[in-house]
Structures are given as C-alpha cells and as structure tokens.
Amino acid sequence: MISKQKDQASVKIDSNSGTDPANHDFILRWKLGNDQVDAGLLLHRGKSTNHFLLQVAPPPRVSLEQIAPRDYVIVLDVSGSMEGFPLTTAKDLLKKLVHGLRANDTFNVVAFATGSGVLSEKPLLANDENISLAHQFIDRQNSRGGTELEAALQRSLALPGGENCSRSILVITDGFISADAETTDLIRKNIGSANLFTFGIGSSVNRELIESLARAGGGEPVVVTTLSEAGSAAEKFREYVSNPVLAKVQISAEGVTLGSIEPDPHPDVFAARPLVVTGTWSGEAKGKIIVRGIGGNGSAFEKVIDLADAATATGLDHPALPILWARERVRLLSNSAKHDESIREITSLGLTYSLLTPYTSFLAVDETPREINSLAQTVKQPLPVPLGVSGAAIAGPAMVKNGSVPEPGSIGLIAFLVLLLALQRQRDLA
C-alpha cells in the first residue's frame, strides 16, 4: 500500500498492484488526537439532495472525571425458561453491576415474567444500604411463568430517574419472550431518554430477538451460551455499559435546514460507542450544526461546527454518504412495525439507492449477443490465492468440473439417504 498525506484532514491510499495483490483484507486502524469528546462533519452535495454525516466520538481513554452521571434500570427475566444456569449467572451479573456503581449513581431493578416486580418506585443511590436491599431482592427471584417484556419495558421507562444523567436500561434474558415490532418501536422512540443494552444468556439463546432489541437501542448485544463464557462476557458487558461520556445529546442547526436525520432521537455516547448521525440538508454549505449534551460530572457540553469550514477542509464530494443514510433509514424502518407506508418507503429507498432490502433485489442481465445454438464455454477466471494460504488448498480441474465437491459429512449423509430409500423400496416390494 502507498499512502500520501493530502492535508490534515485526509489521506489518500493506493494499492500498488505490482507488489500488493488484492489477496487480503485492508484494515484501517486509527486514533483520535483529542483527549476530549469531539465531533466531526462530512458534507456531500448531490444532484437533488444533499447529505451529511456527523460523528460524535469519545476520547481514546476515559477518566473518571469524563464519565457522565449514571442511572441504571436493570430488567431481569425470571420466566420459567431461565431456570438453572441462565438465572444463576444473571443474578451474579446483577450483583457485579450494582457493586461497580459509584456513590453518586442511581439504580433500580425490575424482575419480569408474566408480570413484573420492582425494587423501588424511585431511583436508589448506590450506597451500602441500597446495594444490600438489591441483593436481597435479587436473591428472592425464582424462575416462573411466561415472559412479557413490553409491559416490563413500559414500567421501566415510566419509573422516575435521576436528572441530568445518562439513563440505561439493561435487559438480561434468554430471548424466549413475548415481543414483536411494537417492542422495538417502543425502544427506538425512547432512545433519547434511555439507552437500552441486551445481555442474552442460555444454552439456546434467541439471538434474532436479542440482536433486534440491541439494534433498536443502538448498542451491541452480548450473548453467553455456556458457563465457561459467563465470567468474561459479564465483565465485557459491564465495561461496555459503564462509561457514558455524553448524555442527553441534542443536535440543532443555525443558518442551514436539516432534513431527515437518523437516528432521531439520539442515543448517548459511550467510551465504546460513538454516535454516528446521517441526514440531509438543503441550501448552501453555510451555517452551523450544534451538538449539545451533558458531559463528565454533569457539566454542559457544546460543540459548534461551521459548515463552510467543514466544506473547505474535506470538500463536498463524498458519494458514500447518501448510501449510508439510506441504509440506516432502511434498517430503522425494517426493525419497526410494518405498515403500507413504511413498505413503500423501503422499496423506494432500495430502488433509488440500489440497496438490497426485504422488498428489492438485484438482477443480473447479460445483454451480450450470442448465437442461439452455440455451446457454452467454460472460462477459467484466475484469482489471487489468499495471503498465507498454499496453492495446494485450491481445487483442481477434476474437483470443480461439475461444481464443488461435497464435504465428507455431506457424502455420508447422501449415502445414508440412498440406503434408506433402497431399504424402503425393498420393504414395499416385499
């Protein structure tokens, strides 16, 4: 690879085909130069619509003074399917989460099955007395009944929380719960007032639901399937949710009109989770975009970005931005309840921006003229061998003549099915 510093804001990277064949992934690793929360802006001027990408990034290392005040509502699944290892591990995780709180943090615990119970009707300070109460409440929980997550989330969101703080709802479940698109809508609509994180636990976790809830909450899911994974996964989850650096994020504009913004409302910024916002804008590249929020120890944060300065620094030609915005819009619509209007919008976005969606697909049409009766010809297309892989690993002509060769396990399965059919035929003839 050949890199060339164009200016302070950009680097051009070219592949030298003579010495760098495209036989391995290109991985870009970078660090922020600022030791504080910072924001950057890219602009793109299109033929009919202009797009922007705004990123609010955490510092490379977060100190205690940079962590915003925290309020947690821990939502624990105690339904019948959590019996045994899942509930035992979940209780251990809860106790570690509560013990890791600072004295000025607040917390609450909601246990849900068919119904739900709450530790307190108001947020509790993380002092020794309240932590002891939480332990007693957690220890009293036994697996029982069905699972109604949406009602538990509504109750959690309705609970009063600490002011001027980063509020997070932590859902711990095996995913075998009654939840649908309305549940993800509820999460997405309240993401400005509460972050949501999911911890999936059990030998057969409903990953689709766990991941869907996490996406709606703007976070990454953590899943544990065995007891040996529990310790490290619980620590990873605790670190992930413990370091909010900017809460109650608000984005406004002066002198420029912003259009469709995704996501909206905006989740908090965590040490392991920057905030990436895409949207549209109209008019000239003038005016300001202002990011406000609550930073470390409850201090006010404000970052003013001048559009003219951003255009001068990085230009107005970033054709990837419209596609990024459309992808995010399709993702949010796809995770929401399906209505005729949302289906039409997803279809329109797929066609306009050439995206694969649940309602659009790609078709390959070969318009090369060919004689009707001509025979097909096999063309050997050379490809580079992946870096570090021997050429002996590549299938020879005999192996690919009629397609790929089944794995040994597949061959055994085919032979077994043939034998089974033969035995059945002999039985029928008898």
Protein backbone atom coordinates (compact mmCIF):
# COMPACT_ATOMS: atom_id res chain seq x y z
CA MET A 1 0.00 0.00 0.00
CA ILE A 2 1.12 3.53 -0.76
CA SER A 3 -0.25 6.34 1.40
CA LYS A 4 0.05 10.03 0.71
CA GLN A 5 -0.87 12.78 3.15
CA LYS A 6 -3.15 15.12 1.21
CA ASP A 7 -3.80 17.53 4.11
CA GLN A 8 -4.51 17.46 7.83
CA ALA A 9 -7.99 16.03 7.27
CA SER A 10 -7.41 13.30 4.68
CA VAL A 11 -5.00 10.66 3.44
CA LYS A 12 -5.02 9.02 0.01
CA ILE A 13 -4.21 5.30 -0.06
CA ASP A 14 -3.45 3.48 -3.32
CA SER A 15 -2.74 -0.19 -3.96
CA ASN A 16 0.48 -0.95 -5.79
CA SER A 17 -0.70 -3.84 -7.98
CA GLY A 18 2.87 -4.89 -8.66
CA THR A 19 3.77 -5.60 -5.04
CA ASP A 20 0.41 -5.63 -3.22
CA PRO A 21 -2.02 -8.07 -4.83
CA ALA A 22 -5.58 -7.92 -3.56
CA ASN A 23 -5.26 -11.17 -1.61
CA HIS A 24 -6.03 -9.98 1.92
CA ASP A 25 -8.29 -7.59 3.78
CA PHE A 26 -7.43 -3.93 4.12
CA ILE A 27 -7.79 -2.95 7.79
CA LEU A 28 -7.69 0.70 8.83
CA ARG A 29 -6.92 1.44 12.47
CA TRP A 30 -6.93 4.99 13.74
CA LYS A 31 -6.96 7.01 16.96
CA LEU A 32 -8.35 10.40 17.79
CA GLY A 33 -5.82 13.09 18.53
CA ASN A 34 -8.10 14.80 21.06
CA ASP A 35 -8.37 13.64 24.66
CA GLN A 36 -11.93 15.01 24.99
CA VAL A 37 -15.29 14.22 23.41
CA ASP A 38 -15.18 15.67 19.90
CA ALA A 39 -17.33 15.86 16.79
CA GLY A 40 -16.63 15.93 13.06
CA LEU A 41 -18.73 16.58 9.96
CA LEU A 42 -18.68 15.42 6.32
CA LEU A 43 -20.88 17.03 3.65
CA HIS A 44 -21.98 15.83 0.23
CA ARG A 45 -23.73 17.93 -2.39
CA GLY A 46 -25.92 15.77 -4.61
CA LYS A 47 -27.89 16.48 -7.76
CA SER A 48 -31.22 16.63 -5.95
CA THR A 49 -30.46 16.00 -2.26
CA ASN A 50 -27.54 16.90 -0.03
CA HIS A 51 -26.38 14.55 2.72
CA PHE A 52 -24.19 14.81 5.82
CA LEU A 53 -22.52 12.50 8.31
CA LEU A 54 -21.88 13.71 11.84
CA GLN A 55 -19.80 11.67 14.27
CA VAL A 56 -19.53 12.40 17.98
CA ALA A 57 -16.57 10.38 19.22
CA PRO A 58 -15.38 9.51 22.73
CA PRO A 59 -11.77 10.17 23.77
CA PRO A 60 -9.26 7.30 23.32
CA ARG A 61 -9.04 6.91 27.09
CA VAL A 62 -11.80 7.84 29.52
CA SER A 63 -11.03 9.14 33.01
CA LEU A 64 -13.49 9.11 35.91
CA GLU A 65 -13.95 12.86 35.53
CA GLN A 66 -15.18 12.36 31.95
CA ILE A 67 -17.96 9.90 32.85
CA ALA A 68 -21.43 11.42 32.93
CA PRO A 69 -23.71 10.77 35.94
CA ARG A 70 -25.35 7.36 35.54
CA ASP A 71 -28.79 5.92 36.25
CA TYR A 72 -29.47 2.22 35.61
CA VAL A 73 -32.67 0.22 35.44
CA ILE A 74 -31.74 -3.47 35.34
CA VAL A 75 -34.53 -5.57 33.80
CA LEU A 76 -34.18 -9.24 34.74
CA ASP A 77 -36.05 -12.08 33.04
CA VAL A 78 -37.21 -14.57 35.71
CA SER A 79 -39.52 -16.64 33.50
CA GLY A 80 -39.58 -20.44 33.53
CA SER A 81 -37.07 -20.76 30.69
CA MET A 82 -34.42 -19.00 32.81
CA GLU A 83 -34.31 -21.88 35.33
CA GLY A 84 -30.81 -23.04 36.27
CA PHE A 85 -27.60 -21.70 34.69
CA PRO A 86 -29.19 -18.64 32.99
CA LEU A 87 -30.81 -17.23 36.13
CA THR A 88 -27.84 -18.08 38.36
CA THR A 89 -25.44 -16.30 36.00
CA ALA A 90 -27.85 -13.37 35.58
CA LYS A 91 -28.04 -12.88 39.35
CA ASP A 92 -24.25 -12.92 39.60
CA LEU A 93 -24.00 -10.33 36.80
CA LEU A 94 -26.55 -8.07 38.51
CA LYS A 95 -24.62 -8.12 41.76
CA LYS A 96 -21.39 -7.22 39.95
CA LEU A 97 -23.12 -4.38 38.09
CA VAL A 98 -24.54 -2.94 41.30
CA HIS A 99 -21.20 -3.25 43.12
CA GLY A 100 -19.48 -1.37 40.29
CA LEU A 101 -21.62 1.75 40.70
CA ARG A 102 -20.25 4.99 42.11
CA ALA A 103 -21.75 6.66 45.17
CA ASN A 104 -23.50 9.36 43.10
CA ASP A 105 -25.01 6.84 40.63
CA THR A 106 -28.62 5.73 40.95
CA PHE A 107 -30.20 2.40 40.07
CA ASN A 108 -33.31 0.23 40.18
CA VAL A 109 -34.17 -3.41 39.42
CA VAL A 110 -37.24 -4.78 37.63
CA ALA A 111 -37.89 -8.54 37.59
CA PHE A 112 -40.35 -9.71 34.96
CA ALA A 113 -42.13 -12.89 33.91
CA THR A 114 -45.86 -12.90 33.19
CA GLY A 115 -45.99 -9.81 35.41
CA SER A 116 -43.23 -7.66 36.88
CA GLY A 117 -41.93 -6.55 40.26
CA VAL A 118 -39.75 -3.56 41.08
CA LEU A 119 -37.16 -2.98 43.79
CA SER A 120 -38.23 0.63 44.39
CA GLU A 121 -40.67 3.15 42.93
CA LYS A 122 -37.90 5.76 42.87
CA PRO A 123 -34.21 5.63 41.91
CA LEU A 124 -31.88 4.48 44.67
CA LEU A 125 -28.46 5.91 45.40
CA ALA A 126 -25.71 3.30 45.15
CA ASN A 127 -24.86 3.27 48.86
CA ASP A 128 -24.22 0.20 51.02
CA GLU A 129 -27.77 0.07 52.39
CA ASN A 130 -29.43 0.16 48.96
CA ILE A 131 -26.95 -2.30 47.47
CA SER A 132 -27.83 -4.71 50.30
CA LEU A 133 -31.55 -4.24 49.52
CA ALA A 134 -30.81 -5.02 45.85
CA HIS A 135 -29.00 -8.23 46.80
CA GLN A 136 -31.96 -9.37 48.89
CA PHE A 137 -34.39 -8.56 46.06
CA ILE A 138 -32.26 -10.44 43.52
CA ASP A 139 -31.83 -13.49 45.76
CA ARG A 140 -35.60 -13.76 46.23
CA GLN A 141 -36.22 -14.17 42.49
CA ASN A 142 -37.17 -17.64 41.22
CA SER A 143 -37.99 -18.69 37.66
CA ARG A 144 -41.71 -18.81 37.00
CA GLY A 145 -44.42 -18.28 34.38
CA GLY A 146 -44.29 -16.68 30.95
CA THR A 147 -42.42 -13.64 29.69
CA GLU A 148 -43.91 -10.21 28.91
CA LEU A 149 -41.05 -7.88 28.00
CA GLU A 150 -43.02 -4.97 26.53
CA ALA A 151 -45.00 -4.42 29.73
CA ALA A 152 -41.78 -4.59 31.76
CA LEU A 153 -40.11 -2.04 29.47
CA GLN A 154 -43.08 0.31 29.73
CA ARG A 155 -42.90 0.07 33.50
CA SER A 156 -39.14 0.66 33.46
CA LEU A 157 -39.46 3.73 31.23
CA ALA A 158 -42.21 5.11 33.48
CA LEU A 159 -40.03 4.88 36.60
CA PRO A 160 -38.56 8.24 37.65
CA GLY A 161 -34.85 8.60 37.02
CA GLY A 162 -32.02 10.84 38.06
CA GLU A 163 -31.86 14.29 36.46
CA ASN A 164 -29.11 15.32 34.06
CA CYS A 165 -27.70 11.82 33.81
CA SER A 166 -27.18 9.02 31.32
CA ARG A 167 -30.01 6.54 31.85
CA SER A 168 -29.54 2.97 30.67
CA ILE A 169 -31.95 0.05 30.70
CA LEU A 170 -30.11 -3.28 30.85
CA VAL A 171 -32.21 -6.25 29.71
CA ILE A 172 -30.94 -9.67 30.80
CA THR A 173 -32.86 -12.54 29.18
CA ASP A 174 -32.62 -15.76 27.19
CA GLY A 175 -34.74 -14.14 24.47
CA PHE A 176 -37.70 -16.52 24.70
CA ILE A 177 -40.11 -13.71 25.37
CA SER A 178 -43.29 -12.21 24.02
CA ALA A 179 -42.01 -9.30 21.94
CA ASP A 180 -42.66 -8.01 18.44
CA ALA A 181 -42.08 -4.97 16.24
CA GLU A 182 -44.07 -2.81 18.66
CA THR A 183 -41.46 -3.59 21.32
CA THR A 184 -38.59 -2.39 19.12
CA ASP A 185 -40.64 0.70 18.23
CA LEU A 186 -41.01 1.42 21.94
CA ILE A 187 -37.25 1.16 22.41
CA ARG A 188 -36.40 3.30 19.38
CA LYS A 189 -38.86 6.07 20.30
CA ASN A 190 -37.43 6.33 23.81
CA ILE A 191 -33.75 6.09 22.93
CA GLY A 192 -33.34 9.79 23.66
CA SER A 193 -34.43 9.31 27.27
CA ALA A 194 -32.91 5.88 27.93
CA ASN A 195 -30.23 3.72 26.31
CA LEU A 196 -31.01 0.03 26.03
CA PHE A 197 -28.50 -2.82 26.16
CA THR A 198 -29.16 -6.56 25.97
CA PHE A 199 -27.37 -9.46 27.61
CA GLY A 200 -28.50 -12.79 26.17
CA ILE A 201 -27.90 -15.84 28.31
CA GLY A 202 -28.79 -19.52 27.95
CA SER A 203 -27.82 -22.67 26.08
CA SER A 204 -30.17 -21.78 23.20
CA VAL A 205 -30.44 -18.00 23.15
CA ASN A 206 -32.94 -16.38 20.78
CA ARG A 207 -30.20 -14.42 19.02
CA GLU A 208 -32.50 -12.85 16.45
CA LEU A 209 -34.56 -11.14 19.13
CA ILE A 210 -31.57 -10.21 21.29
CA GLU A 211 -29.83 -8.60 18.31
CA SER A 212 -33.03 -6.87 17.16
CA LEU A 213 -33.51 -5.28 20.59
CA ALA A 214 -29.85 -4.23 20.68
CA ARG A 215 -30.07 -2.62 17.23
CA ALA A 216 -33.18 -0.71 18.25
CA GLY A 217 -31.28 0.55 21.28
CA GLY A 218 -28.21 1.47 19.24
CA GLY A 219 -25.96 -0.99 21.07
CA GLU A 220 -24.15 -4.27 20.61
CA PRO A 221 -25.61 -7.47 22.11
CA VAL A 222 -23.60 -9.70 24.43
CA VAL A 223 -24.52 -13.41 24.33
CA VAL A 224 -23.45 -16.22 26.70
CA THR A 225 -24.26 -19.86 25.93
CA THR A 226 -22.04 -21.75 28.39
CA LEU A 227 -20.97 -21.34 31.99
CA SER A 228 -17.31 -21.03 30.96
CA GLU A 229 -18.11 -17.89 28.92
CA ALA A 230 -20.11 -16.21 31.65
CA GLY A 231 -17.31 -14.51 33.58
CA SER A 232 -15.55 -12.83 30.66
CA ALA A 233 -18.81 -11.92 28.91
CA ALA A 234 -20.26 -10.38 32.05
CA GLU A 235 -17.12 -8.27 32.50
CA LYS A 236 -17.27 -7.19 28.85
CA PHE A 237 -20.91 -6.20 29.27
CA ARG A 238 -20.19 -4.30 32.49
CA GLU A 239 -17.38 -2.31 30.88
CA TYR A 240 -19.49 -1.61 27.78
CA VAL A 241 -22.38 -0.04 29.71
CA SER A 242 -20.34 1.67 32.44
CA ASN A 243 -18.72 4.60 30.64
CA PRO A 244 -21.16 7.15 29.20
CA VAL A 245 -19.23 10.28 28.25
CA LEU A 246 -22.03 12.37 26.74
CA ALA A 247 -25.72 12.14 27.71
CA LYS A 248 -28.96 13.80 26.56
CA VAL A 249 -27.48 14.54 23.13
CA GLN A 250 -29.25 17.26 21.14
CA ILE A 251 -28.39 18.32 17.58
CA SER A 252 -29.60 21.64 16.20
CA ALA A 253 -28.78 23.92 13.28
CA GLU A 254 -28.43 27.64 12.63
CA GLY A 255 -28.37 29.11 9.14
CA VAL A 256 -28.97 25.76 7.43
CA THR A 257 -32.00 23.49 7.15
CA LEU A 258 -31.57 19.86 8.20
CA GLY A 259 -33.93 17.22 6.82
CA SER A 260 -34.36 13.54 7.66
CA ILE A 261 -31.93 12.61 10.46
CA GLU A 262 -31.12 9.04 11.55
CA PRO A 263 -31.17 8.05 14.33
CA ASP A 264 -33.55 10.52 15.92
CA PRO A 265 -33.76 10.77 18.90
CA HIS A 266 -30.06 10.28 19.58
CA PRO A 267 -28.51 7.74 21.97
CA ASP A 268 -25.80 8.69 24.44
CA VAL A 269 -22.11 8.48 23.59
CA PHE A 270 -20.18 5.76 25.45
CA ALA A 271 -16.47 5.06 25.63
CA ALA A 272 -17.02 2.02 23.38
CA ARG A 273 -19.84 3.50 21.29
CA PRO A 274 -19.55 6.72 19.28
CA LEU A 275 -22.64 8.43 17.94
CA VAL A 276 -22.94 8.43 14.14
CA VAL A 277 -25.74 10.54 12.68
CA THR A 278 -26.63 10.74 8.99
CA GLY A 279 -29.12 13.11 7.43
CA THR A 280 -29.99 15.53 4.66
CA TRP A 281 -29.50 19.27 4.36
CA SER A 282 -30.58 21.94 1.89
CA GLY A 283 -29.25 25.27 0.70
CA GLU A 284 -25.67 26.47 0.67
CA ALA A 285 -22.86 24.98 2.74
CA LYS A 286 -23.20 27.75 5.29
CA GLY A 287 -24.43 27.99 8.84
CA LYS A 288 -23.71 25.85 11.87
CA ILE A 289 -24.56 22.47 13.35
CA ILE A 290 -24.51 22.47 17.14
CA VAL A 291 -24.10 19.38 19.34
CA ARG A 292 -25.12 19.74 22.98
CA GLY A 293 -25.22 17.30 25.87
CA ILE A 294 -24.23 16.52 29.44
CA GLY A 295 -20.63 15.50 29.95
CA GLY A 296 -18.44 14.37 32.82
CA ASN A 297 -19.71 15.13 36.33
CA GLY A 298 -22.83 16.74 34.86
CA SER A 299 -21.02 19.53 33.02
CA ALA A 300 -22.59 21.11 29.94
CA PHE A 301 -21.07 20.15 26.57
CA GLU A 302 -21.36 22.16 23.36
CA LYS A 303 -19.61 21.73 20.03
CA VAL A 304 -20.26 24.17 17.18
CA ILE A 305 -19.33 23.01 13.68
CA ASP A 306 -19.23 25.55 10.86
CA LEU A 307 -20.43 24.06 7.55
CA ALA A 308 -18.23 26.36 5.49
CA ASP A 309 -15.16 25.25 7.43
CA ALA A 310 -16.14 21.58 7.02
CA ALA A 311 -16.64 22.06 3.28
CA THR A 312 -13.25 23.75 2.96
CA ALA A 313 -11.46 21.06 4.98
CA THR A 314 -12.95 17.93 3.39
CA GLY A 315 -14.86 19.09 0.30
CA LEU A 316 -18.42 18.40 -0.82
CA ASP A 317 -17.85 15.20 -2.78
CA HIS A 318 -18.48 12.15 -0.59
CA PRO A 319 -20.76 9.88 -2.65
CA ALA A 320 -20.88 7.22 0.08
CA LEU A 321 -22.94 9.47 2.38
CA PRO A 322 -26.29 9.11 0.53
CA ILE A 323 -25.94 5.32 0.65
CA LEU A 324 -25.04 5.35 4.35
CA TRP A 325 -28.07 7.48 5.13
CA ALA A 326 -30.38 5.28 3.04
CA ARG A 327 -29.03 2.09 4.67
CA GLU A 328 -29.65 3.48 8.14
CA ARG A 329 -33.14 4.60 7.16
CA VAL A 330 -33.96 1.15 5.74
CA ARG A 331 -32.57 -0.55 8.86
CA LEU A 332 -34.73 1.51 11.19
CA LEU A 333 -37.84 1.04 9.07
CA SER A 334 -37.21 -2.71 8.78
CA ASN A 335 -36.97 -3.07 12.57
CA SER A 336 -40.25 -1.20 13.07
CA ALA A 337 -43.83 -2.40 12.77
CA LYS A 338 -44.67 -2.99 9.11
CA HIS A 339 -47.21 -0.61 7.55
CA ASP A 340 -48.04 0.06 3.91
CA GLU A 341 -46.34 3.44 4.15
CA SER A 342 -43.09 2.04 5.57
CA ILE A 343 -43.04 -0.77 2.98
CA ARG A 344 -43.43 1.78 0.18
CA GLU A 345 -40.62 3.91 1.63
CA ILE A 346 -38.26 0.93 2.00
CA THR A 347 -38.99 -0.11 -1.60
CA SER A 348 -38.41 3.43 -2.86
CA LEU A 349 -35.11 3.71 -0.97
CA GLY A 350 -33.96 0.36 -2.33
CA LEU A 351 -34.69 1.37 -5.91
CA THR A 352 -33.32 4.91 -5.59
CA TYR A 353 -30.05 3.99 -3.88
CA SER A 354 -29.59 0.46 -5.35
CA LEU A 355 -29.89 -1.29 -1.99
CA LEU A 356 -30.83 -4.86 -1.18
CA THR A 357 -33.93 -4.71 1.04
CA PRO A 358 -36.73 -7.12 2.02
CA TYR A 359 -38.67 -5.75 -0.97
CA THR A 360 -35.94 -5.18 -3.58
CA SER A 361 -33.26 -7.45 -5.04
CA PHE A 362 -30.51 -7.41 -7.64
CA LEU A 363 -30.92 -8.99 -11.07
CA ALA A 364 -28.01 -9.80 -13.37
CA VAL A 365 -28.93 -9.34 -17.03
CA ASP A 366 -26.44 -10.38 -19.72
CA GLU A 367 -27.07 -8.37 -22.88
CA THR A 368 -24.07 -9.77 -24.80
CA PRO A 369 -25.23 -11.09 -28.22
CA ARG A 370 -24.82 -14.87 -28.63
CA GLU A 371 -25.88 -17.39 -31.26
CA ILE A 372 -28.92 -19.36 -30.17
CA ASN A 373 -27.41 -22.79 -30.87
CA SER A 374 -23.88 -22.06 -29.72
CA LEU A 375 -22.37 -24.20 -26.96
CA ALA A 376 -21.49 -22.78 -23.58
CA GLN A 377 -17.80 -22.40 -22.89
CA THR A 378 -16.05 -22.82 -19.56
CA VAL A 379 -13.79 -19.89 -18.74
CA LYS A 380 -11.13 -20.22 -16.07
CA GLN A 381 -11.07 -16.97 -14.12
CA PRO A 382 -7.74 -16.56 -12.29
CA LEU A 383 -7.97 -15.30 -8.73
CA PRO A 384 -5.19 -14.50 -6.26
CA VAL A 385 -4.52 -17.07 -3.56
CA PRO A 386 -5.34 -15.60 -0.11
CA LEU A 387 -2.27 -14.40 1.73
CA GLY A 388 -0.70 -17.22 3.75
CA VAL A 389 -2.69 -19.99 2.01
CA SER A 390 -0.89 -22.65 -0.02
CA GLY A 391 -1.83 -23.16 -3.64
CA ALA A 392 -2.45 -26.83 -2.79
CA ALA A 393 -5.61 -25.73 -0.98
CA ILE A 394 -7.21 -24.65 -4.26
CA ALA A 395 -9.40 -27.23 -6.00
CA GLY A 396 -8.03 -28.61 -9.26
CA PRO A 397 -9.96 -29.00 -12.54
CA ALA A 398 -11.20 -32.50 -11.65
CA MET A 399 -12.70 -31.21 -8.44
CA VAL A 400 -14.61 -28.34 -9.99
CA LYS A 401 -15.66 -29.90 -13.28
CA ASN A 402 -19.25 -30.38 -12.20
CA GLY A 403 -19.35 -27.96 -9.32
CA SER A 404 -17.89 -28.08 -5.85
CA VAL A 405 -17.32 -31.43 -4.18
CA PRO A 406 -19.45 -32.11 -1.09
CA GLU A 407 -17.72 -32.31 2.26
CA PRO A 408 -17.16 -35.85 3.64
CA GLY A 409 -20.03 -35.35 6.06
CA SER A 410 -22.33 -34.43 3.18
CA ILE A 411 -21.26 -37.51 1.19
CA GLY A 412 -22.00 -39.73 4.18
CA LEU A 413 -25.43 -38.16 4.58
CA ILE A 414 -26.24 -38.66 0.89
CA ALA A 415 -25.13 -42.32 1.06
CA PHE A 416 -27.28 -42.86 4.14
CA LEU A 417 -30.34 -41.37 2.42
CA VAL A 418 -29.80 -43.56 -0.67
CA LEU A 419 -29.50 -46.65 1.53
CA LEU A 420 -32.63 -45.67 3.43
CA LEU A 421 -34.60 -45.25 0.20
CA ALA A 422 -33.34 -48.64 -1.06
CA LEU A 423 -34.44 -50.38 2.14
CA GLN A 424 -37.82 -48.70 1.97
CA ARG A 425 -38.22 -49.84 -1.65
CA GLN A 426 -37.33 -53.45 -0.71
CA ARG A 427 -39.85 -53.32 2.12
CA ASP A 428 -42.55 -52.05 -0.25
CA LEU A 429 -41.78 -54.81 -2.76
CA ALA A 430 -41.97 -57.42 0.00
